[in-house]
mmCIF file of all heavy atoms, coordinates in Angstrom:
data_MODEL
# 
_entry.id   MODEL 
# 
loop_
_atom_site.group_PDB 
_atom_site.id 
_atom_site.type_symbol 
_atom_site.label_atom_id 
_atom_site.label_alt_id 
_atom_site.label_comp_id 
_atom_site.label_asym_id 
_atom_site.label_entity_id 
_atom_site.label_seq_id 
_atom_site.pdbx_PDB_ins_code 
_atom_site.Cartn_x 
_atom_site.Cartn_y 
_atom_site.Cartn_z 
_atom_site.occupancy 
_atom_site.B_iso_or_equiv 
_atom_site.pdbx_formal_charge 
_atom_site.auth_seq_id 
_atom_site.auth_comp_id 
_atom_site.auth_asym_id 
_atom_site.auth_atom_id 
_atom_site.pdbx_PDB_model_num 
ATOM 1   N N   . MET A 1 1  ? -0.343 -13.445 35.270 1.00 0.00 ? 1  MET A N   1 
ATOM 2   C CA  . MET A 1 1  ? -0.825 -14.551 34.524 1.00 0.00 ? 1  MET A CA  1 
ATOM 3   C C   . MET A 1 1  ? -1.115 -14.192 33.025 1.00 0.00 ? 1  MET A C   1 
ATOM 4   O O   . MET A 1 1  ? -0.925 -14.941 32.148 1.00 0.00 ? 1  MET A O   1 
ATOM 5   C CB  . MET A 1 1  ? -2.105 -15.171 35.111 1.00 0.00 ? 1  MET A CB  1 
ATOM 6   C CG  . MET A 1 1  ? -3.238 -14.232 35.079 1.00 0.00 ? 1  MET A CG  1 
ATOM 7   S SD  . MET A 1 1  ? -4.636 -14.942 35.871 1.00 0.00 ? 1  MET A SD  1 
ATOM 8   C CE  . MET A 1 1  ? -5.064 -16.277 34.846 1.00 0.00 ? 1  MET A CE  1 
ATOM 9   N N   . TYR A 1 2  ? -1.516 -12.895 32.799 1.00 0.00 ? 2  TYR A N   1 
ATOM 10  C CA  . TYR A 1 2  ? -1.826 -12.440 31.514 1.00 0.00 ? 2  TYR A CA  1 
ATOM 11  C C   . TYR A 1 2  ? -0.698 -12.236 30.478 1.00 0.00 ? 2  TYR A C   1 
ATOM 12  O O   . TYR A 1 2  ? -0.807 -12.305 29.358 1.00 0.00 ? 2  TYR A O   1 
ATOM 13  C CB  . TYR A 1 2  ? -2.703 -11.217 31.479 1.00 0.00 ? 2  TYR A CB  1 
ATOM 14  C CG  . TYR A 1 2  ? -3.979 -11.473 32.302 1.00 0.00 ? 2  TYR A CG  1 
ATOM 15  C CD1 . TYR A 1 2  ? -4.168 -10.773 33.505 1.00 0.00 ? 2  TYR A CD1 1 
ATOM 16  C CD2 . TYR A 1 2  ? -4.903 -12.350 31.804 1.00 0.00 ? 2  TYR A CD2 1 
ATOM 17  C CE1 . TYR A 1 2  ? -5.280 -11.070 34.257 1.00 0.00 ? 2  TYR A CE1 1 
ATOM 18  C CE2 . TYR A 1 2  ? -6.077 -12.578 32.536 1.00 0.00 ? 2  TYR A CE2 1 
ATOM 19  C CZ  . TYR A 1 2  ? -6.297 -12.000 33.766 1.00 0.00 ? 2  TYR A CZ  1 
ATOM 20  O OH  . TYR A 1 2  ? -7.425 -12.226 34.519 1.00 0.00 ? 2  TYR A OH  1 
ATOM 21  N N   . ILE A 1 3  ? 0.520  -12.099 31.177 1.00 0.00 ? 3  ILE A N   1 
ATOM 22  C CA  . ILE A 1 3  ? 1.780  -12.012 30.271 1.00 0.00 ? 3  ILE A CA  1 
ATOM 23  C C   . ILE A 1 3  ? 2.001  -13.423 29.691 1.00 0.00 ? 3  ILE A C   1 
ATOM 24  O O   . ILE A 1 3  ? 2.203  -13.613 28.573 1.00 0.00 ? 3  ILE A O   1 
ATOM 25  C CB  . ILE A 1 3  ? 2.934  -11.577 31.158 1.00 0.00 ? 3  ILE A CB  1 
ATOM 26  C CG1 . ILE A 1 3  ? 2.756  -10.147 31.712 1.00 0.00 ? 3  ILE A CG1 1 
ATOM 27  C CG2 . ILE A 1 3  ? 4.250  -11.514 30.298 1.00 0.00 ? 3  ILE A CG2 1 
ATOM 28  C CD1 . ILE A 1 3  ? 3.816  -9.620  32.627 1.00 0.00 ? 3  ILE A CD1 1 
ATOM 29  N N   . TYR A 1 4  ? 1.998  -14.367 30.622 1.00 0.00 ? 4  TYR A N   1 
ATOM 30  C CA  . TYR A 1 4  ? 2.120  -15.781 30.123 1.00 0.00 ? 4  TYR A CA  1 
ATOM 31  C C   . TYR A 1 4  ? 1.184  -16.248 29.103 1.00 0.00 ? 4  TYR A C   1 
ATOM 32  O O   . TYR A 1 4  ? 1.533  -16.852 28.147 1.00 0.00 ? 4  TYR A O   1 
ATOM 33  C CB  . TYR A 1 4  ? 2.130  -16.720 31.348 1.00 0.00 ? 4  TYR A CB  1 
ATOM 34  C CG  . TYR A 1 4  ? 2.393  -18.154 30.994 1.00 0.00 ? 4  TYR A CG  1 
ATOM 35  C CD1 . TYR A 1 4  ? 3.679  -18.658 31.197 1.00 0.00 ? 4  TYR A CD1 1 
ATOM 36  C CD2 . TYR A 1 4  ? 1.390  -19.039 30.639 1.00 0.00 ? 4  TYR A CD2 1 
ATOM 37  C CE1 . TYR A 1 4  ? 3.948  -20.028 30.770 1.00 0.00 ? 4  TYR A CE1 1 
ATOM 38  C CE2 . TYR A 1 4  ? 1.562  -20.434 30.393 1.00 0.00 ? 4  TYR A CE2 1 
ATOM 39  C CZ  . TYR A 1 4  ? 2.940  -20.899 30.510 1.00 0.00 ? 4  TYR A CZ  1 
ATOM 40  O OH  . TYR A 1 4  ? 3.104  -22.196 30.230 1.00 0.00 ? 4  TYR A OH  1 
ATOM 41  N N   . MET A 1 5  ? -0.018 -15.767 29.367 1.00 0.00 ? 5  MET A N   1 
ATOM 42  C CA  . MET A 1 5  ? -1.132 -16.242 28.301 1.00 0.00 ? 5  MET A CA  1 
ATOM 43  C C   . MET A 1 5  ? -1.230 -15.436 27.022 1.00 0.00 ? 5  MET A C   1 
ATOM 44  O O   . MET A 1 5  ? -2.043 -15.760 26.194 1.00 0.00 ? 5  MET A O   1 
ATOM 45  C CB  . MET A 1 5  ? -2.469 -16.144 29.150 1.00 0.00 ? 5  MET A CB  1 
ATOM 46  C CG  . MET A 1 5  ? -2.650 -17.029 30.286 1.00 0.00 ? 5  MET A CG  1 
ATOM 47  S SD  . MET A 1 5  ? -4.108 -16.672 31.351 1.00 0.00 ? 5  MET A SD  1 
ATOM 48  C CE  . MET A 1 5  ? -5.438 -17.121 30.259 1.00 0.00 ? 5  MET A CE  1 
ATOM 49  N N   . GLY A 1 6  ? -0.233 -14.432 26.945 1.00 0.00 ? 6  GLY A N   1 
ATOM 50  C CA  . GLY A 1 6  ? -0.152 -13.700 25.711 1.00 0.00 ? 6  GLY A CA  1 
ATOM 51  C C   . GLY A 1 6  ? -1.231 -12.539 25.614 1.00 0.00 ? 6  GLY A C   1 
ATOM 52  O O   . GLY A 1 6  ? -1.269 -11.899 24.492 1.00 0.00 ? 6  GLY A O   1 
ATOM 53  N N   . HIS A 1 7  ? -1.926 -12.218 26.594 1.00 0.00 ? 7  HIS A N   1 
ATOM 54  C CA  . HIS A 1 7  ? -2.953 -11.206 26.595 1.00 0.00 ? 7  HIS A CA  1 
ATOM 55  C C   . HIS A 1 7  ? -2.280 -9.843  26.759 1.00 0.00 ? 7  HIS A C   1 
ATOM 56  O O   . HIS A 1 7  ? -2.826 -8.784  26.335 1.00 0.00 ? 7  HIS A O   1 
ATOM 57  C CB  . HIS A 1 7  ? -3.979 -11.364 27.630 1.00 0.00 ? 7  HIS A CB  1 
ATOM 58  C CG  . HIS A 1 7  ? -4.714 -12.680 27.511 1.00 0.00 ? 7  HIS A CG  1 
ATOM 59  N ND1 . HIS A 1 7  ? -5.663 -13.071 28.382 1.00 0.00 ? 7  HIS A ND1 1 
ATOM 60  C CD2 . HIS A 1 7  ? -4.704 -13.580 26.557 1.00 0.00 ? 7  HIS A CD2 1 
ATOM 61  C CE1 . HIS A 1 7  ? -6.233 -14.190 28.164 1.00 0.00 ? 7  HIS A CE1 1 
ATOM 62  N NE2 . HIS A 1 7  ? -5.673 -14.535 27.022 1.00 0.00 ? 7  HIS A NE2 1 
ATOM 63  N N   . MET A 1 8  ? -1.125 -9.755  27.411 1.00 0.00 ? 8  MET A N   1 
ATOM 64  C CA  . MET A 1 8  ? -0.459 -8.521  27.667 1.00 0.00 ? 8  MET A CA  1 
ATOM 65  C C   . MET A 1 8  ? 1.027  -8.809  27.578 1.00 0.00 ? 8  MET A C   1 
ATOM 66  O O   . MET A 1 8  ? 1.581  -9.929  27.673 1.00 0.00 ? 8  MET A O   1 
ATOM 67  C CB  . MET A 1 8  ? -0.701 -7.998  29.066 1.00 0.00 ? 8  MET A CB  1 
ATOM 68  C CG  . MET A 1 8  ? -2.253 -7.885  29.395 1.00 0.00 ? 8  MET A CG  1 
ATOM 69  S SD  . MET A 1 8  ? -2.429 -7.318  31.164 1.00 0.00 ? 8  MET A SD  1 
ATOM 70  C CE  . MET A 1 8  ? -2.123 -5.612  30.998 1.00 0.00 ? 8  MET A CE  1 
ATOM 71  N N   . LYS A 1 9  ? 1.820  -7.671  27.357 1.00 0.00 ? 9  LYS A N   1 
ATOM 72  C CA  . LYS A 1 9  ? 3.294  -7.717  27.489 1.00 0.00 ? 9  LYS A CA  1 
ATOM 73  C C   . LYS A 1 9  ? 3.643  -7.114  28.706 1.00 0.00 ? 9  LYS A C   1 
ATOM 74  O O   . LYS A 1 9  ? 2.820  -6.323  29.290 1.00 0.00 ? 9  LYS A O   1 
ATOM 75  C CB  . LYS A 1 9  ? 3.899  -7.115  26.251 1.00 0.00 ? 9  LYS A CB  1 
ATOM 76  C CG  . LYS A 1 9  ? 3.643  -7.712  24.910 1.00 0.00 ? 9  LYS A CG  1 
ATOM 77  C CD  . LYS A 1 9  ? 4.320  -6.977  23.759 1.00 0.00 ? 9  LYS A CD  1 
ATOM 78  C CE  . LYS A 1 9  ? 4.073  -7.611  22.415 1.00 0.00 ? 9  LYS A CE  1 
ATOM 79  N NZ  . LYS A 1 9  ? 4.762  -6.909  21.369 1.00 0.00 ? 9  LYS A NZ  1 
ATOM 80  N N   . TYR A 1 10 ? 4.876  -7.371  29.190 1.00 0.00 ? 10 TYR A N   1 
ATOM 81  C CA  . TYR A 1 10 ? 5.280  -6.762  30.481 1.00 0.00 ? 10 TYR A CA  1 
ATOM 82  C C   . TYR A 1 10 ? 5.081  -5.237  30.456 1.00 0.00 ? 10 TYR A C   1 
ATOM 83  O O   . TYR A 1 10 ? 4.567  -4.653  31.421 1.00 0.00 ? 10 TYR A O   1 
ATOM 84  C CB  . TYR A 1 10 ? 6.772  -7.185  30.669 1.00 0.00 ? 10 TYR A CB  1 
ATOM 85  C CG  . TYR A 1 10 ? 7.446  -6.233  31.828 1.00 0.00 ? 10 TYR A CG  1 
ATOM 86  C CD1 . TYR A 1 10 ? 6.988  -6.320  33.069 1.00 0.00 ? 10 TYR A CD1 1 
ATOM 87  C CD2 . TYR A 1 10 ? 8.479  -5.332  31.456 1.00 0.00 ? 10 TYR A CD2 1 
ATOM 88  C CE1 . TYR A 1 10 ? 7.598  -5.502  33.972 1.00 0.00 ? 10 TYR A CE1 1 
ATOM 89  C CE2 . TYR A 1 10 ? 9.017  -4.493  32.431 1.00 0.00 ? 10 TYR A CE2 1 
ATOM 90  C CZ  . TYR A 1 10 ? 8.584  -4.615  33.693 1.00 0.00 ? 10 TYR A CZ  1 
ATOM 91  O OH  . TYR A 1 10 ? 9.167  -3.853  34.715 1.00 0.00 ? 10 TYR A OH  1 
ATOM 92  N N   . GLU A 1 11 ? 5.426  -4.522  29.403 1.00 0.00 ? 11 GLU A N   1 
ATOM 93  C CA  . GLU A 1 11 ? 5.306  -3.044  29.423 1.00 0.00 ? 11 GLU A CA  1 
ATOM 94  C C   . GLU A 1 11 ? 3.818  -2.611  29.553 1.00 0.00 ? 11 GLU A C   1 
ATOM 95  O O   . GLU A 1 11 ? 3.630  -1.550  30.013 1.00 0.00 ? 11 GLU A O   1 
ATOM 96  C CB  . GLU A 1 11 ? 5.944  -2.475  28.084 1.00 0.00 ? 11 GLU A CB  1 
ATOM 97  C CG  . GLU A 1 11 ? 5.433  -3.064  26.780 1.00 0.00 ? 11 GLU A CG  1 
ATOM 98  C CD  . GLU A 1 11 ? 6.260  -4.216  26.252 1.00 0.00 ? 11 GLU A CD  1 
ATOM 99  O OE1 . GLU A 1 11 ? 6.909  -4.924  27.155 1.00 0.00 ? 11 GLU A OE1 1 
ATOM 100 O OE2 . GLU A 1 11 ? 6.364  -4.358  25.077 1.00 0.00 ? 11 GLU A OE2 1 
ATOM 101 N N   . HIS A 1 12 ? 2.892  -3.513  29.230 1.00 0.00 ? 12 HIS A N   1 
ATOM 102 C CA  . HIS A 1 12 ? 1.521  -3.094  29.350 1.00 0.00 ? 12 HIS A CA  1 
ATOM 103 C C   . HIS A 1 12 ? 1.060  -3.163  30.737 1.00 0.00 ? 12 HIS A C   1 
ATOM 104 O O   . HIS A 1 12 ? 0.089  -2.649  31.101 1.00 0.00 ? 12 HIS A O   1 
ATOM 105 C CB  . HIS A 1 12 ? 0.646  -4.100  28.437 1.00 0.00 ? 12 HIS A CB  1 
ATOM 106 C CG  . HIS A 1 12 ? 0.904  -4.106  27.066 1.00 0.00 ? 12 HIS A CG  1 
ATOM 107 N ND1 . HIS A 1 12 ? 0.653  -5.182  26.269 1.00 0.00 ? 12 HIS A ND1 1 
ATOM 108 C CD2 . HIS A 1 12 ? 1.458  -3.148  26.244 1.00 0.00 ? 12 HIS A CD2 1 
ATOM 109 C CE1 . HIS A 1 12 ? 1.018  -4.918  25.021 1.00 0.00 ? 12 HIS A CE1 1 
ATOM 110 N NE2 . HIS A 1 12 ? 1.468  -3.680  25.004 1.00 0.00 ? 12 HIS A NE2 1 
ATOM 111 N N   . THR A 1 13 ? 1.789  -3.947  31.670 1.00 0.00 ? 13 THR A N   1 
ATOM 112 C CA  . THR A 1 13 ? 1.486  -3.988  33.075 1.00 0.00 ? 13 THR A CA  1 
ATOM 113 C C   . THR A 1 13 ? 1.973  -2.918  33.927 1.00 0.00 ? 13 THR A C   1 
ATOM 114 O O   . THR A 1 13 ? 1.673  -2.913  35.125 1.00 0.00 ? 13 THR A O   1 
ATOM 115 C CB  . THR A 1 13 ? 1.918  -5.414  33.542 1.00 0.00 ? 13 THR A CB  1 
ATOM 116 O OG1 . THR A 1 13 ? 3.387  -5.379  33.670 1.00 0.00 ? 13 THR A OG1 1 
ATOM 117 C CG2 . THR A 1 13 ? 1.520  -6.553  32.715 1.00 0.00 ? 13 THR A CG2 1 
ATOM 118 N N   . LYS A 1 14 ? 2.697  -2.039  33.308 1.00 0.00 ? 14 LYS A N   1 
ATOM 119 C CA  . LYS A 1 14 ? 3.254  -0.837  34.203 1.00 0.00 ? 14 LYS A CA  1 
ATOM 120 C C   . LYS A 1 14 ? 2.239  0.301   34.181 1.00 0.00 ? 14 LYS A C   1 
ATOM 121 O O   . LYS A 1 14 ? 1.930  0.900   33.116 1.00 0.00 ? 14 LYS A O   1 
ATOM 122 C CB  . LYS A 1 14 ? 4.536  -0.367  33.553 1.00 0.00 ? 14 LYS A CB  1 
ATOM 123 C CG  . LYS A 1 14 ? 5.702  -1.465  33.621 1.00 0.00 ? 14 LYS A CG  1 
ATOM 124 C CD  . LYS A 1 14 ? 7.052  -0.850  33.307 1.00 0.00 ? 14 LYS A CD  1 
ATOM 125 C CE  . LYS A 1 14 ? 7.215  -0.649  31.771 1.00 0.00 ? 14 LYS A CE  1 
ATOM 126 N NZ  . LYS A 1 14 ? 8.555  -0.307  31.385 1.00 0.00 ? 14 LYS A NZ  1 
ATOM 127 N N   . PRO A 1 15 ? 1.610  0.581   35.372 1.00 0.00 ? 15 PRO A N   1 
ATOM 128 C CA  . PRO A 1 15 ? 0.618  1.641   35.436 1.00 0.00 ? 15 PRO A CA  1 
ATOM 129 C C   . PRO A 1 15 ? 1.159  3.041   35.016 1.00 0.00 ? 15 PRO A C   1 
ATOM 130 O O   . PRO A 1 15 ? 0.232  3.917   34.762 1.00 0.00 ? 15 PRO A O   1 
ATOM 131 C CB  . PRO A 1 15 ? 0.140  1.582   36.866 1.00 0.00 ? 15 PRO A CB  1 
ATOM 132 C CG  . PRO A 1 15 ? 0.555  0.154   37.349 1.00 0.00 ? 15 PRO A CG  1 
ATOM 133 C CD  . PRO A 1 15 ? 1.797  -0.106  36.589 1.00 0.00 ? 15 PRO A CD  1 
ATOM 134 N N   . TYR A 1 16 ? 2.379  3.242   35.128 1.00 0.00 ? 16 TYR A N   1 
ATOM 135 C CA  . TYR A 1 16 ? 3.018  4.569   34.888 1.00 0.00 ? 16 TYR A CA  1 
ATOM 136 C C   . TYR A 1 16 ? 4.073  4.523   33.833 1.00 0.00 ? 16 TYR A C   1 
ATOM 137 O O   . TYR A 1 16 ? 4.784  3.472   33.718 1.00 0.00 ? 16 TYR A O   1 
ATOM 138 C CB  . TYR A 1 16 ? 3.547  5.105   36.138 1.00 0.00 ? 16 TYR A CB  1 
ATOM 139 C CG  . TYR A 1 16 ? 2.540  5.151   37.259 1.00 0.00 ? 16 TYR A CG  1 
ATOM 140 C CD1 . TYR A 1 16 ? 2.606  4.202   38.335 1.00 0.00 ? 16 TYR A CD1 1 
ATOM 141 C CD2 . TYR A 1 16 ? 1.533  6.185   37.348 1.00 0.00 ? 16 TYR A CD2 1 
ATOM 142 C CE1 . TYR A 1 16 ? 1.654  4.131   39.262 1.00 0.00 ? 16 TYR A CE1 1 
ATOM 143 C CE2 . TYR A 1 16 ? 0.534  6.130   38.419 1.00 0.00 ? 16 TYR A CE2 1 
ATOM 144 C CZ  . TYR A 1 16 ? 0.698  5.086   39.345 1.00 0.00 ? 16 TYR A CZ  1 
ATOM 145 O OH  . TYR A 1 16 ? -0.253 5.154   40.397 1.00 0.00 ? 16 TYR A OH  1 
ATOM 146 N N   . GLU A 1 17 ? 4.093  5.561   33.029 1.00 0.00 ? 17 GLU A N   1 
ATOM 147 C CA  . GLU A 1 17 ? 5.104  5.610   32.009 1.00 0.00 ? 17 GLU A CA  1 
ATOM 148 C C   . GLU A 1 17 ? 6.520  5.739   32.743 1.00 0.00 ? 17 GLU A C   1 
ATOM 149 O O   . GLU A 1 17 ? 6.678  6.119   33.844 1.00 0.00 ? 17 GLU A O   1 
ATOM 150 C CB  . GLU A 1 17 ? 5.003  6.837   31.156 1.00 0.00 ? 17 GLU A CB  1 
ATOM 151 C CG  . GLU A 1 17 ? 3.655  6.828   30.321 1.00 0.00 ? 17 GLU A CG  1 
ATOM 152 C CD  . GLU A 1 17 ? 3.747  5.806   29.205 1.00 0.00 ? 17 GLU A CD  1 
ATOM 153 O OE1 . GLU A 1 17 ? 4.755  5.256   28.976 1.00 0.00 ? 17 GLU A OE1 1 
ATOM 154 O OE2 . GLU A 1 17 ? 2.657  5.542   28.540 1.00 0.00 ? 17 GLU A OE2 1 
ATOM 155 N N   . ASP A 1 18 ? 7.633  5.287   32.041 1.00 0.00 ? 18 ASP A N   1 
ATOM 156 C CA  . ASP A 1 18 ? 8.902  5.265   32.697 1.00 0.00 ? 18 ASP A CA  1 
ATOM 157 C C   . ASP A 1 18 ? 9.372  6.594   33.069 1.00 0.00 ? 18 ASP A C   1 
ATOM 158 O O   . ASP A 1 18 ? 10.255 6.835   33.983 1.00 0.00 ? 18 ASP A O   1 
ATOM 159 C CB  . ASP A 1 18 ? 9.894  4.669   31.673 1.00 0.00 ? 18 ASP A CB  1 
ATOM 160 C CG  . ASP A 1 18 ? 9.610  3.089   31.502 1.00 0.00 ? 18 ASP A CG  1 
ATOM 161 O OD1 . ASP A 1 18 ? 8.763  2.546   32.226 1.00 0.00 ? 18 ASP A OD1 1 
ATOM 162 O OD2 . ASP A 1 18 ? 10.295 2.539   30.604 1.00 0.00 ? 18 ASP A OD2 1 
ATOM 163 N N   . TRP A 1 19 ? 8.894  7.671   32.316 1.00 0.00 ? 19 TRP A N   1 
ATOM 164 C CA  . TRP A 1 19 ? 9.356  9.065   32.755 1.00 0.00 ? 19 TRP A CA  1 
ATOM 165 C C   . TRP A 1 19 ? 8.689  9.502   34.034 1.00 0.00 ? 19 TRP A C   1 
ATOM 166 O O   . TRP A 1 19 ? 9.044  10.496  34.613 1.00 0.00 ? 19 TRP A O   1 
ATOM 167 C CB  . TRP A 1 19 ? 9.088  10.002  31.563 1.00 0.00 ? 19 TRP A CB  1 
ATOM 168 C CG  . TRP A 1 19 ? 7.698  9.966   31.025 1.00 0.00 ? 19 TRP A CG  1 
ATOM 169 C CD1 . TRP A 1 19 ? 7.308  9.389   29.842 1.00 0.00 ? 19 TRP A CD1 1 
ATOM 170 C CD2 . TRP A 1 19 ? 6.488  10.558  31.554 1.00 0.00 ? 19 TRP A CD2 1 
ATOM 171 N NE1 . TRP A 1 19 ? 5.894  9.595   29.678 1.00 0.00 ? 19 TRP A NE1 1 
ATOM 172 C CE2 . TRP A 1 19 ? 5.351  10.294  30.703 1.00 0.00 ? 19 TRP A CE2 1 
ATOM 173 C CE3 . TRP A 1 19 ? 6.217  11.255  32.706 1.00 0.00 ? 19 TRP A CE3 1 
ATOM 174 C CZ2 . TRP A 1 19 ? 4.034  10.710  31.019 1.00 0.00 ? 19 TRP A CZ2 1 
ATOM 175 C CZ3 . TRP A 1 19 ? 4.870  11.660  33.149 1.00 0.00 ? 19 TRP A CZ3 1 
ATOM 176 C CH2 . TRP A 1 19 ? 3.823  11.346  32.184 1.00 0.00 ? 19 TRP A CH2 1 
ATOM 177 N N   . PHE A 1 20 ? 7.620  8.844   34.520 1.00 0.00 ? 20 PHE A N   1 
ATOM 178 C CA  . PHE A 1 20 ? 6.808  9.298   35.596 1.00 0.00 ? 20 PHE A CA  1 
ATOM 179 C C   . PHE A 1 20 ? 7.655  9.418   36.867 1.00 0.00 ? 20 PHE A C   1 
ATOM 180 O O   . PHE A 1 20 ? 7.552  10.458  37.741 1.00 0.00 ? 20 PHE A O   1 
ATOM 181 C CB  . PHE A 1 20 ? 5.738  8.275   35.865 1.00 0.00 ? 20 PHE A CB  1 
ATOM 182 C CG  . PHE A 1 20 ? 4.945  8.552   37.141 1.00 0.00 ? 20 PHE A CG  1 
ATOM 183 C CD1 . PHE A 1 20 ? 3.880  9.334   37.171 1.00 0.00 ? 20 PHE A CD1 1 
ATOM 184 C CD2 . PHE A 1 20 ? 5.356  7.880   38.372 1.00 0.00 ? 20 PHE A CD2 1 
ATOM 185 C CE1 . PHE A 1 20 ? 3.088  9.533   38.336 1.00 0.00 ? 20 PHE A CE1 1 
ATOM 186 C CE2 . PHE A 1 20 ? 4.664  8.131   39.536 1.00 0.00 ? 20 PHE A CE2 1 
ATOM 187 C CZ  . PHE A 1 20 ? 3.539  8.963   39.523 1.00 0.00 ? 20 PHE A CZ  1 
ATOM 188 N N   . TRP A 1 21 ? 8.697  8.538   36.986 1.00 0.00 ? 21 TRP A N   1 
ATOM 189 C CA  . TRP A 1 21 ? 9.477  8.500   38.318 1.00 0.00 ? 21 TRP A CA  1 
ATOM 190 C C   . TRP A 1 21 ? 10.461 9.668   38.381 1.00 0.00 ? 21 TRP A C   1 
ATOM 191 O O   . TRP A 1 21 ? 10.515 10.307  39.422 1.00 0.00 ? 21 TRP A O   1 
ATOM 192 C CB  . TRP A 1 21 ? 10.187 7.118   38.355 1.00 0.00 ? 21 TRP A CB  1 
ATOM 193 C CG  . TRP A 1 21 ? 9.221  6.009   38.198 1.00 0.00 ? 21 TRP A CG  1 
ATOM 194 C CD1 . TRP A 1 21 ? 9.036  5.249   37.054 1.00 0.00 ? 21 TRP A CD1 1 
ATOM 195 C CD2 . TRP A 1 21 ? 8.174  5.511   39.087 1.00 0.00 ? 21 TRP A CD2 1 
ATOM 196 N NE1 . TRP A 1 21 ? 8.011  4.378   37.142 1.00 0.00 ? 21 TRP A NE1 1 
ATOM 197 C CE2 . TRP A 1 21 ? 7.477  4.525   38.425 1.00 0.00 ? 21 TRP A CE2 1 
ATOM 198 C CE3 . TRP A 1 21 ? 7.759  6.021   40.326 1.00 0.00 ? 21 TRP A CE3 1 
ATOM 199 C CZ2 . TRP A 1 21 ? 6.386  3.974   38.924 1.00 0.00 ? 21 TRP A CZ2 1 
ATOM 200 C CZ3 . TRP A 1 21 ? 6.750  5.289   40.901 1.00 0.00 ? 21 TRP A CZ3 1 
ATOM 201 C CH2 . TRP A 1 21 ? 5.993  4.346   40.257 1.00 0.00 ? 21 TRP A CH2 1 
ATOM 202 N N   . LYS A 1 22 ? 11.081 9.953   37.215 1.00 0.00 ? 22 LYS A N   1 
ATOM 203 C CA  . LYS A 1 22 ? 11.972 11.124  37.309 1.00 0.00 ? 22 LYS A CA  1 
ATOM 204 C C   . LYS A 1 22 ? 11.312 12.383  37.405 1.00 0.00 ? 22 LYS A C   1 
ATOM 205 O O   . LYS A 1 22 ? 11.672 13.289  38.160 1.00 0.00 ? 22 LYS A O   1 
ATOM 206 C CB  . LYS A 1 22 ? 12.834 11.202  35.936 1.00 0.00 ? 22 LYS A CB  1 
ATOM 207 C CG  . LYS A 1 22 ? 13.859 12.199  35.974 1.00 0.00 ? 22 LYS A CG  1 
ATOM 208 C CD  . LYS A 1 22 ? 14.690 12.207  34.728 1.00 0.00 ? 22 LYS A CD  1 
ATOM 209 C CE  . LYS A 1 22 ? 15.824 13.216  34.710 1.00 0.00 ? 22 LYS A CE  1 
ATOM 210 N NZ  . LYS A 1 22 ? 16.631 13.169  33.491 1.00 0.00 ? 22 LYS A NZ  1 
ATOM 211 N N   . LYS A 1 23 ? 10.097 12.463  36.724 1.00 0.00 ? 23 LYS A N   1 
ATOM 212 C CA  . LYS A 1 23 ? 9.345  13.715  36.772 1.00 0.00 ? 23 LYS A CA  1 
ATOM 213 C C   . LYS A 1 23 ? 8.859  14.030  38.225 1.00 0.00 ? 23 LYS A C   1 
ATOM 214 O O   . LYS A 1 23 ? 8.763  15.172  38.674 1.00 0.00 ? 23 LYS A O   1 
ATOM 215 C CB  . LYS A 1 23 ? 8.120  13.630  35.848 1.00 0.00 ? 23 LYS A CB  1 
ATOM 216 C CG  . LYS A 1 23 ? 7.193  14.936  35.895 1.00 0.00 ? 23 LYS A CG  1 
ATOM 217 C CD  . LYS A 1 23 ? 6.035  14.720  34.960 1.00 0.00 ? 23 LYS A CD  1 
ATOM 218 C CE  . LYS A 1 23 ? 5.050  15.923  35.095 1.00 0.00 ? 23 LYS A CE  1 
ATOM 219 N NZ  . LYS A 1 23 ? 3.919  15.752  34.174 1.00 0.00 ? 23 LYS A NZ  1 
ATOM 220 N N   . ASN A 1 24 ? 8.462  12.927  38.913 1.00 0.00 ? 24 ASN A N   1 
ATOM 221 C CA  . ASN A 1 24 ? 8.017  13.064  40.312 1.00 0.00 ? 24 ASN A CA  1 
ATOM 222 C C   . ASN A 1 24 ? 9.055  12.898  41.415 1.00 0.00 ? 24 ASN A C   1 
ATOM 223 O O   . ASN A 1 24 ? 8.782  12.808  42.580 1.00 0.00 ? 24 ASN A O   1 
ATOM 224 C CB  . ASN A 1 24 ? 6.895  12.109  40.518 1.00 0.00 ? 24 ASN A CB  1 
ATOM 225 C CG  . ASN A 1 24 ? 5.674  12.403  39.842 1.00 0.00 ? 24 ASN A CG  1 
ATOM 226 O OD1 . ASN A 1 24 ? 4.831  13.264  40.313 1.00 0.00 ? 24 ASN A OD1 1 
ATOM 227 N ND2 . ASN A 1 24 ? 5.357  11.858  38.643 1.00 0.00 ? 24 ASN A ND2 1 
# 
């Protein structure tokens, strides 16, 4: 809901950085 309301962007809702998955 907060993406739609302008409080956050999609990238702000990702708990882990994109590099996290490859590293792990």
